[in-house]
Amino acid sequence: AVHTDMMKSFTQEDIDMLEEEIPLGRLASPEEIADVIWFLASKQSSYMTGQVLSVNGGWYC
């Protein structure tokens, strides 16, 4: 769950309930998702192959 305009259809109560389910206790920011993509596109990830990264704050549905 990422704090974007798509979340505007959720009530604050819905968001609060969602955040309670996420171990980090909050929604991700778009910048946090972008940071992961930036890393994967950089030379720093050049030795990574065939991985599935779950950028989810510890939340597994």
N, C-alpha and C. Protein backbone atom coordinates (compact mmCIF):
# COMPACT_ATOMS: atom_id res chain seq x y z
N ALA A 1 0.85 -1.17 0.00
CA ALA A 1 0.00 0.00 0.00
C ALA A 1 0.89 1.24 0.00
N VAL A 2 0.66 2.10 -0.97
CA VAL A 2 1.50 3.29 -1.15
C VAL A 2 0.62 4.54 -1.05
N HIS A 3 1.10 5.53 -0.36
CA HIS A 3 0.34 6.77 -0.16
C HIS A 3 0.37 7.59 -1.45
N THR A 4 -0.60 7.32 -2.33
CA THR A 4 -0.73 8.01 -3.61
C THR A 4 -2.18 8.49 -3.77
N ASP A 5 -2.44 9.17 -4.88
CA ASP A 5 -3.80 9.63 -5.16
C ASP A 5 -4.79 8.47 -5.24
N MET A 6 -4.33 7.29 -5.56
CA MET A 6 -5.21 6.13 -5.64
C MET A 6 -5.86 5.84 -4.28
N MET A 7 -5.22 6.27 -3.22
CA MET A 7 -5.76 6.02 -1.88
C MET A 7 -6.86 7.02 -1.50
N LYS A 8 -7.13 8.01 -2.34
CA LYS A 8 -8.14 9.02 -2.02
C LYS A 8 -9.54 8.43 -1.87
N SER A 9 -9.78 7.28 -2.48
CA SER A 9 -11.11 6.66 -2.37
C SER A 9 -11.29 5.93 -1.04
N PHE A 10 -10.22 5.78 -0.26
CA PHE A 10 -10.28 5.14 1.05
C PHE A 10 -10.62 6.18 2.11
N THR A 11 -11.42 5.79 3.07
CA THR A 11 -11.68 6.68 4.20
C THR A 11 -10.47 6.64 5.13
N GLN A 12 -10.37 7.62 6.00
CA GLN A 12 -9.27 7.62 6.98
C GLN A 12 -9.36 6.38 7.86
N GLU A 13 -10.56 5.97 8.17
CA GLU A 13 -10.75 4.75 8.97
C GLU A 13 -10.19 3.54 8.23
N ASP A 14 -10.45 3.45 6.93
CA ASP A 14 -9.90 2.34 6.13
C ASP A 14 -8.38 2.36 6.12
N ILE A 15 -7.81 3.55 5.96
CA ILE A 15 -6.35 3.68 5.94
C ILE A 15 -5.77 3.31 7.29
N ASP A 16 -6.41 3.74 8.36
CA ASP A 16 -5.94 3.40 9.71
C ASP A 16 -5.94 1.88 9.91
N MET A 17 -7.00 1.23 9.47
CA MET A 17 -7.09 -0.23 9.60
C MET A 17 -6.00 -0.91 8.76
N LEU A 18 -5.76 -0.40 7.58
CA LEU A 18 -4.72 -0.94 6.71
C LEU A 18 -3.35 -0.79 7.36
N GLU A 19 -3.08 0.40 7.90
CA GLU A 19 -1.79 0.64 8.55
C GLU A 19 -1.58 -0.26 9.75
N GLU A 20 -2.65 -0.63 10.44
CA GLU A 20 -2.53 -1.55 11.57
C GLU A 20 -2.07 -2.94 11.13
N GLU A 21 -2.39 -3.32 9.90
CA GLU A 21 -2.00 -4.63 9.37
C GLU A 21 -0.55 -4.66 8.90
N ILE A 22 0.01 -3.50 8.57
CA ILE A 22 1.37 -3.41 8.03
C ILE A 22 2.34 -3.37 9.21
N PRO A 23 3.29 -4.31 9.28
CA PRO A 23 4.22 -4.34 10.41
C PRO A 23 4.96 -3.01 10.67
N LEU A 24 5.28 -2.26 9.63
CA LEU A 24 5.94 -0.97 9.85
C LEU A 24 4.96 0.10 10.31
N GLY A 25 3.66 -0.19 10.26
CA GLY A 25 2.65 0.70 10.81
C GLY A 25 2.30 1.91 9.98
N ARG A 26 2.63 1.89 8.69
CA ARG A 26 2.33 3.04 7.83
C ARG A 26 2.34 2.62 6.37
N LEU A 27 1.77 3.49 5.54
CA LEU A 27 1.84 3.27 4.10
C LEU A 27 3.22 3.67 3.60
N ALA A 28 3.62 3.12 2.49
CA ALA A 28 4.88 3.52 1.86
C ALA A 28 4.70 4.86 1.19
N SER A 29 5.79 5.59 1.07
CA SER A 29 5.76 6.82 0.27
C SER A 29 6.16 6.45 -1.16
N PRO A 30 5.71 7.21 -2.14
CA PRO A 30 6.14 6.94 -3.51
C PRO A 30 7.66 6.99 -3.66
N GLU A 31 8.30 7.86 -2.88
CA GLU A 31 9.76 7.98 -2.94
C GLU A 31 10.45 6.69 -2.49
N GLU A 32 9.86 6.00 -1.52
CA GLU A 32 10.46 4.74 -1.06
C GLU A 32 10.42 3.69 -2.16
N ILE A 33 9.34 3.65 -2.92
CA ILE A 33 9.24 2.71 -4.04
C ILE A 33 10.24 3.12 -5.12
N ALA A 34 10.31 4.41 -5.41
CA ALA A 34 11.25 4.91 -6.42
C ALA A 34 12.70 4.61 -6.04
N ASP A 35 13.03 4.68 -4.76
CA ASP A 35 14.40 4.38 -4.31
C ASP A 35 14.79 2.95 -4.65
N VAL A 36 13.86 2.02 -4.49
CA VAL A 36 14.15 0.62 -4.82
C VAL A 36 14.36 0.47 -6.33
N ILE A 37 13.51 1.11 -7.11
CA ILE A 37 13.66 1.05 -8.57
C ILE A 37 14.98 1.69 -9.00
N TRP A 38 15.32 2.82 -8.37
CA TRP A 38 16.58 3.50 -8.66
C TRP A 38 17.76 2.56 -8.38
N PHE A 39 17.72 1.88 -7.25
CA PHE A 39 18.78 0.92 -6.92
C PHE A 39 18.87 -0.18 -7.97
N LEU A 40 17.72 -0.75 -8.35
CA LEU A 40 17.74 -1.84 -9.33
C LEU A 40 18.25 -1.39 -10.69
N ALA A 41 18.04 -0.13 -11.02
CA ALA A 41 18.51 0.40 -12.31
C ALA A 41 19.96 0.86 -12.25
N SER A 42 20.54 0.88 -11.06
CA SER A 42 21.90 1.39 -10.90
C SER A 42 22.94 0.27 -11.01
N LYS A 43 24.18 0.69 -11.11
CA LYS A 43 25.29 -0.28 -11.15
C LYS A 43 25.45 -1.01 -9.82
N GLN A 44 24.90 -0.43 -8.74
CA GLN A 44 25.01 -1.07 -7.43
C GLN A 44 24.30 -2.42 -7.39
N SER A 45 23.37 -2.64 -8.28
CA SER A 45 22.65 -3.92 -8.29
C SER A 45 23.15 -4.84 -9.41
N SER A 46 24.31 -4.55 -9.96
CA SER A 46 24.80 -5.28 -11.13
C SER A 46 25.00 -6.78 -10.89
N TYR A 47 25.15 -7.20 -9.67
CA TYR A 47 25.37 -8.62 -9.39
C TYR A 47 24.08 -9.34 -9.00
N MET A 48 22.98 -8.63 -8.99
CA MET A 48 21.69 -9.26 -8.66
C MET A 48 21.09 -9.89 -9.90
N THR A 49 20.60 -11.10 -9.73
CA THR A 49 19.89 -11.77 -10.82
C THR A 49 18.73 -12.55 -10.24
N GLY A 50 17.64 -12.59 -10.96
CA GLY A 50 16.52 -13.46 -10.64
C GLY A 50 15.94 -13.32 -9.25
N GLN A 51 15.82 -12.11 -8.76
CA GLN A 51 15.28 -11.90 -7.42
C GLN A 51 13.88 -11.31 -7.49
N VAL A 52 13.09 -11.62 -6.51
CA VAL A 52 11.79 -10.99 -6.34
C VAL A 52 11.87 -10.15 -5.07
N LEU A 53 11.76 -8.85 -5.21
CA LEU A 53 11.84 -7.96 -4.06
C LEU A 53 10.43 -7.53 -3.69
N SER A 54 10.10 -7.67 -2.44
CA SER A 54 8.79 -7.26 -1.96
C SER A 54 8.96 -6.00 -1.13
N VAL A 55 8.61 -4.87 -1.71
CA VAL A 55 8.71 -3.60 -1.01
C VAL A 55 7.35 -3.37 -0.36
N ASN A 56 7.18 -3.92 0.84
CA ASN A 56 5.84 -4.01 1.42
C ASN A 56 5.78 -3.70 2.92
N GLY A 57 6.83 -3.21 3.49
CA GLY A 57 6.80 -2.88 4.92
C GLY A 57 6.58 -4.06 5.82
N GLY A 58 6.82 -5.26 5.28
CA GLY A 58 6.61 -6.49 6.04
C GLY A 58 5.20 -7.05 5.94
N TRP A 59 4.36 -6.41 5.12
CA TRP A 59 2.96 -6.80 4.99
C TRP A 59 2.80 -7.82 3.88
N TYR A 60 2.30 -8.98 4.21
CA TYR A 60 2.06 -10.05 3.24
C TYR A 60 0.58 -10.37 3.27
N CYS A 61 -0.08 -10.20 2.13
CA CYS A 61 -1.53 -10.48 2.05
C CYS A 61 -1.75 -11.95 1.72
